[in-house]
Amino acid sequence: MTPEQAPDGVREAVEKEVKHINQKVRSKAARVNNALRNAELEVLERHNHTMIVTYVDPSKDAAIAEGLMDLRFANNTDYPIYISGYAYGGELTFTIYGHETRDPNRTVEYVSETTGTTTADGVALYATDQPVGYLSQTQGALQGLTAVLWKYVTENGETTKEQVNSSTYQATPVCYDVGVNTDNPTVAAAIQSAIANNDLDQVQAIISGNYGQTSTATADQAQSESQAQDQQQSESQAQDQQQSESQAQSDSTADNTQGGDGSSTPDAALPDDPTNGAVIE
């Protein structure tokens, strides 16, 4: 059975344990790195984590990933060394034993200095095989920064300073796991799109059942605007038609009072006055 085929409860328990083991491994690497520094053994390879960790100061961590990153060191003393590690009371301790050749009055101190900071905007959404409606914050926002580790050595009353390493940590936004399991293909496509765009508001709208209301309202508004435009166009056409009819009637009246050539039509001739203007008694 593969991890993907395991029941949900078993798979979640396994994933939780893997995360716990990875955390222990990362912590162990940091503790070994700290012991190497205090013993002043030569570190050949060391990498910082991609994001800042909270259990050690910046640039004091050490990340390991099989085939990619490792923590390597060399015994640059003239004597064998022995490394012991144990855990007690929630603390992990590593001790390096060897033949001490350094001056007992010699002191070494490592100081972390943050040289810059960055922040990440928005959120990061990740699909998980949970039903739609599942939304869980898995990580808060982490500040990104750059840091330098300094080594101060005091011997015979004099203190020297040298740079040990430098580190760059990426800023990360708030992270959420989002359930995508649903039989509704429309909702499935919508929530996958929201995750791809890191759109938390859209995810919450889908979960609350408000998905589609915005688009429906927009469609109704567009339909109302279209109807208003049609009505306005009809009224404009009616007004144009009315003006055309009024103009036609005016032209017809003008034709009745003018000749065909546009000259005024003379009044009909009155019959001759038989009296020729004489007064009849």
Protein backbone atom coordinates (compact mmCIF):
# COMPACT_ATOMS: atom_id res chain seq x y z
CA MET A 1 0.00 0.00 0.00
CA THR A 2 1.34 3.42 -0.94
CA PRO A 3 0.92 6.46 1.37
CA GLU A 4 -1.69 7.83 -1.05
CA GLN A 5 -3.77 4.64 -0.69
CA ALA A 6 -3.76 4.69 3.11
CA PRO A 7 -6.94 5.70 4.98
CA ASP A 8 -7.17 9.40 5.82
CA GLY A 9 -6.48 8.92 9.55
CA VAL A 10 -3.45 6.72 8.95
CA ARG A 11 -2.08 9.00 6.23
CA GLU A 12 -2.42 12.09 8.43
CA ALA A 13 -0.68 10.32 11.32
CA VAL A 14 2.19 9.24 9.06
CA GLU A 15 2.56 12.71 7.58
CA LYS A 16 2.60 14.23 11.07
CA GLU A 17 5.28 11.79 12.23
CA VAL A 18 7.40 12.45 9.12
CA LYS A 19 7.23 16.19 9.80
CA HIS A 20 8.23 15.51 13.41
CA ILE A 21 11.19 13.38 12.34
CA ASN A 22 12.30 15.99 9.79
CA GLN A 23 12.15 18.64 12.49
CA LYS A 24 14.35 16.49 14.74
CA VAL A 25 16.85 15.92 11.93
CA ARG A 26 17.05 19.64 11.16
CA SER A 27 17.48 20.42 14.86
CA LYS A 28 20.23 17.81 15.18
CA ALA A 29 22.15 19.35 12.28
CA ALA A 30 22.00 22.75 13.97
CA ARG A 31 23.18 21.31 17.28
CA VAL A 32 26.10 19.49 15.61
CA ASN A 33 26.98 22.68 13.76
CA ASN A 34 27.01 24.55 17.07
CA ALA A 35 29.30 21.94 18.63
CA LEU A 36 31.65 22.13 15.64
CA ARG A 37 31.90 25.90 15.99
CA ASN A 38 32.65 25.73 19.71
CA ALA A 39 35.31 23.09 19.11
CA GLU A 40 36.65 25.24 16.24
CA LEU A 41 36.73 22.30 13.88
CA GLU A 42 36.90 23.10 10.18
CA VAL A 43 33.45 23.17 8.54
CA LEU A 44 33.74 22.15 4.89
CA GLU A 45 30.08 22.45 3.89
CA ARG A 46 27.13 24.16 5.56
CA HIS A 47 23.83 25.46 4.18
CA ASN A 48 21.18 27.62 5.77
CA HIS A 49 17.48 26.74 5.57
CA THR A 50 15.28 28.25 2.89
CA MET A 51 13.15 29.95 5.55
CA ILE A 52 14.11 31.24 8.95
CA VAL A 53 14.00 28.75 11.84
CA THR A 54 13.17 29.62 15.42
CA TYR A 55 15.34 27.24 17.45
CA VAL A 56 18.66 28.98 16.67
CA ASP A 57 19.75 32.49 15.73
CA PRO A 58 20.04 33.40 12.03
CA SER A 59 23.14 31.96 10.35
CA LYS A 60 23.64 29.47 13.21
CA ASP A 61 21.43 26.83 11.56
CA ALA A 62 22.45 24.02 9.24
CA ALA A 63 20.19 22.39 6.67
CA ILE A 64 20.60 18.90 5.29
CA ALA A 65 18.75 17.24 2.41
CA GLU A 66 19.82 13.90 0.99
CA GLY A 67 21.63 14.36 -2.30
CA LEU A 68 21.32 18.16 -2.16
CA MET A 69 22.70 19.66 1.03
CA ASP A 70 24.93 18.30 3.77
CA LEU A 71 26.92 19.33 6.82
CA ARG A 72 30.54 18.24 6.42
CA PHE A 73 33.54 18.97 8.61
CA ALA A 74 37.15 17.90 9.06
CA ASN A 75 39.15 17.09 12.15
CA ASN A 76 41.84 19.72 11.79
CA THR A 77 43.50 18.78 15.12
CA ASP A 78 46.35 16.38 15.67
CA TYR A 79 44.24 14.05 17.81
CA PRO A 80 41.18 11.84 17.36
CA ILE A 81 37.76 13.20 18.33
CA TYR A 82 34.62 11.56 19.69
CA ILE A 83 31.11 12.95 19.24
CA SER A 84 28.36 12.15 21.76
CA GLY A 85 24.72 13.15 21.50
CA TYR A 86 21.73 12.75 23.82
CA ALA A 87 18.27 14.17 24.42
CA TYR A 88 16.85 15.00 27.83
CA GLY A 89 14.04 17.23 29.06
CA GLY A 90 13.23 18.44 25.59
CA GLU A 91 16.83 19.47 24.93
CA LEU A 92 19.19 17.94 22.38
CA THR A 93 22.89 18.08 23.22
CA PHE A 94 26.01 17.13 21.27
CA THR A 95 29.46 17.09 22.80
CA ILE A 96 32.76 16.74 20.95
CA TYR A 97 35.57 15.16 22.95
CA GLY A 98 39.23 15.46 22.03
CA HIS A 99 42.60 16.64 23.23
CA GLU A 100 42.44 20.32 24.17
CA THR A 101 45.41 22.28 22.88
CA ARG A 102 43.98 25.80 23.11
CA ASP A 103 44.96 28.33 25.75
CA PRO A 104 42.57 28.01 28.72
CA ASN A 105 42.26 31.81 28.79
CA ARG A 106 41.19 31.89 25.16
CA THR A 107 37.47 32.58 24.64
CA VAL A 108 35.35 32.21 21.52
CA GLU A 109 31.97 33.84 20.91
CA TYR A 110 29.69 33.67 17.86
CA VAL A 111 27.34 36.57 17.19
CA SER A 112 24.52 36.63 14.64
CA GLU A 113 23.90 39.94 12.86
CA THR A 114 20.79 40.59 10.76
CA THR A 115 21.75 42.72 7.77
CA GLY A 116 18.37 43.05 6.02
CA THR A 117 14.70 42.07 6.16
CA THR A 118 11.91 41.42 3.67
CA THR A 119 8.19 40.64 3.93
CA ALA A 120 5.82 38.58 1.79
CA ASP A 121 2.39 39.88 0.79
CA GLY A 122 -0.82 37.89 0.40
CA VAL A 123 -1.31 34.23 1.24
CA ALA A 124 -0.22 30.84 -0.09
CA LEU A 125 -2.94 28.24 -0.66
CA TYR A 126 -2.32 24.51 -1.01
CA ALA A 127 -4.80 21.86 -2.14
CA THR A 128 -5.39 18.96 0.23
CA ASP A 129 -7.50 15.82 -0.13
CA GLN A 130 -10.19 17.08 2.21
CA PRO A 131 -13.80 17.96 1.37
CA VAL A 132 -14.61 21.43 0.12
CA GLY A 133 -15.20 23.51 3.23
CA TYR A 134 -11.95 22.48 4.89
CA LEU A 135 -9.65 25.48 5.45
CA SER A 136 -6.75 25.33 7.90
CA GLN A 137 -3.90 27.77 8.51
CA THR A 138 -0.70 25.73 8.58
CA GLN A 139 1.85 28.49 8.97
CA GLY A 140 1.99 32.14 9.89
CA ALA A 141 3.84 34.72 7.87
CA LEU A 142 7.62 34.45 8.18
CA GLN A 143 9.90 37.40 7.70
CA GLY A 144 12.70 37.03 5.21
CA LEU A 145 16.14 38.26 6.12
CA THR A 146 19.82 38.22 5.42
CA ALA A 147 22.31 37.54 8.19
CA VAL A 148 26.00 37.22 8.90
CA LEU A 149 27.68 35.14 11.63
CA TRP A 150 30.73 36.68 13.27
CA LYS A 151 33.39 34.91 15.32
CA TYR A 152 35.01 36.87 18.16
CA VAL A 153 38.19 35.42 19.65
CA THR A 154 39.69 36.95 22.76
CA GLU A 155 43.24 35.89 23.61
CA ASN A 156 45.90 37.65 25.68
CA GLY A 157 43.57 40.59 26.16
CA GLU A 158 43.04 41.14 22.45
CA THR A 159 39.86 40.45 20.52
CA THR A 160 39.71 39.62 16.82
CA LYS A 161 36.67 39.39 14.59
CA GLU A 162 36.10 37.32 11.47
CA GLN A 163 33.09 36.37 9.35
CA VAL A 164 32.09 32.72 9.56
CA ASN A 165 29.25 32.61 7.03
CA SER A 166 26.32 34.51 5.53
CA SER A 167 22.73 33.38 5.02
CA THR A 168 19.65 34.43 3.08
CA TYR A 169 16.17 33.37 4.19
CA GLN A 170 13.09 33.77 2.03
CA ALA A 171 9.99 35.58 3.27
CA THR A 172 6.83 33.47 3.24
CA PRO A 173 3.18 34.53 3.52
CA VAL A 174 0.49 32.96 5.69
CA CYS A 175 -0.14 29.41 4.43
CA TYR A 176 -3.46 27.54 4.26
CA ASP A 177 -4.50 24.01 3.37
CA VAL A 178 -7.71 24.01 1.31
CA GLY A 179 -10.01 21.03 0.81
CA VAL A 180 -10.83 20.32 -2.85
CA ASN A 181 -12.76 17.04 -2.67
CA THR A 182 -16.25 17.48 -4.18
CA ASP A 183 -18.60 15.80 -6.65
CA ASN A 184 -19.60 19.16 -8.12
CA PRO A 185 -17.32 19.80 -11.13
CA THR A 186 -18.18 23.51 -11.21
CA VAL A 187 -17.21 24.01 -7.58
CA ALA A 188 -14.12 21.84 -8.03
CA ALA A 189 -12.92 23.95 -10.96
CA ALA A 190 -13.69 27.17 -9.11
CA ILE A 191 -11.79 26.23 -5.96
CA GLN A 192 -8.82 24.92 -7.93
CA SER A 193 -8.72 28.24 -9.77
CA ALA A 194 -8.88 30.14 -6.46
CA ILE A 195 -5.97 28.07 -5.10
CA ALA A 196 -3.92 28.64 -8.25
CA ASN A 197 -4.44 32.40 -7.83
CA ASN A 198 -3.94 32.30 -4.04
CA ASP A 199 -7.34 33.98 -3.72
CA LEU A 200 -8.42 33.41 -0.12
CA ASP A 201 -11.54 35.59 -0.47
CA GLN A 202 -12.81 33.42 -3.32
CA VAL A 203 -12.13 30.23 -1.34
CA GLN A 204 -14.09 31.61 1.60
CA ALA A 205 -16.92 32.65 -0.72
CA ILE A 206 -17.14 29.11 -2.09
CA ILE A 207 -17.10 27.61 1.40
CA SER A 208 -19.81 29.99 2.66
CA GLY A 209 -22.06 29.17 -0.30
CA ASN A 210 -21.81 32.62 -1.85
CA TYR A 211 -19.96 31.36 -4.88
CA GLY A 212 -21.62 32.56 -8.08
CA GLN A 213 -23.64 35.36 -6.49
CA THR A 214 -21.24 37.99 -7.68
CA SER A 215 -21.27 36.70 -11.23
CA THR A 216 -25.09 36.39 -11.15
CA ALA A 217 -25.46 39.94 -9.92
CA THR A 218 -23.12 41.11 -12.65
CA ALA A 219 -25.15 39.27 -15.27
CA ASP A 220 -28.41 40.77 -13.96
CA GLN A 221 -26.88 44.21 -14.02
CA ALA A 222 -25.67 43.71 -17.57
CA GLN A 223 -29.13 42.50 -18.62
CA SER A 224 -30.78 45.54 -17.01
CA GLU A 225 -28.34 47.85 -18.74
CA SER A 226 -29.01 46.11 -22.05
CA GLN A 227 -32.76 46.46 -21.60
CA ALA A 228 -32.35 50.14 -20.75
CA GLN A 229 -30.27 50.66 -23.86
CA ASP A 230 -32.89 48.88 -26.00
CA GLN A 231 -35.65 51.04 -24.53
CA GLN A 232 -33.63 54.20 -25.10
CA GLN A 233 -32.93 53.14 -28.67
CA SER A 234 -36.65 52.43 -29.28
CA GLU A 235 -37.62 55.82 -27.89
CA SER A 236 -34.99 57.50 -30.05
CA GLN A 237 -36.27 55.69 -33.14
CA ALA A 238 -39.86 56.69 -32.32
CA GLN A 239 -38.78 60.29 -31.88
CA ASP A 240 -36.93 60.23 -35.21
CA GLN A 241 -39.99 58.75 -36.90
CA GLN A 242 -42.23 61.42 -35.37
CA GLN A 243 -39.89 64.15 -36.58
CA SER A 244 -39.86 62.61 -40.07
CA GLU A 245 -43.66 62.51 -40.17
CA SER A 246 -43.89 66.13 -38.99
CA GLN A 247 -41.43 67.22 -41.65
CA ALA A 248 -43.36 65.30 -44.32
CA GLN A 249 -46.63 66.97 -43.29
CA SER A 250 -44.97 70.39 -43.38
CA ASP A 251 -43.63 69.72 -46.87
CA SER A 252 -47.07 68.62 -48.03
CA THR A 253 -48.65 71.89 -46.80
CA ALA A 254 -46.00 73.90 -48.57
CA ASP A 255 -46.74 72.07 -51.84
CA ASN A 256 -50.43 73.01 -51.62
CA THR A 257 -49.60 76.73 -51.45
CA GLN A 258 -46.94 76.82 -54.14
CA GLY A 259 -46.82 75.93 -57.79
CA GLY A 260 -44.93 73.21 -59.20
CA ASP A 261 -42.17 75.69 -59.99
CA GLY A 262 -42.33 77.08 -56.50
CA SER A 263 -44.28 80.31 -57.51
CA SER A 264 -47.41 81.37 -55.70
CA THR A 265 -50.67 80.12 -57.24
CA PRO A 266 -52.96 83.14 -58.18
CA ASP A 267 -56.42 83.29 -56.74
CA ALA A 268 -59.24 82.20 -59.09
CA ALA A 269 -60.49 85.10 -61.30
CA LEU A 270 -63.69 86.70 -60.05
CA PRO A 271 -66.60 87.09 -62.56
CA ASP A 272 -66.97 90.53 -64.21
CA ASP A 273 -69.21 92.96 -62.44
CA PRO A 274 -72.21 93.43 -64.81
CA THR A 275 -72.76 96.89 -63.46
CA ASN A 276 -69.25 97.94 -64.26
CA GLY A 277 -69.27 99.67 -60.98
CA ALA A 278 -72.45 101.68 -61.75
CA VAL A 279 -74.99 102.23 -59.06
CA ILE A 280 -78.36 100.69 -59.80
CA GLU A 281 -81.32 102.56 -58.52
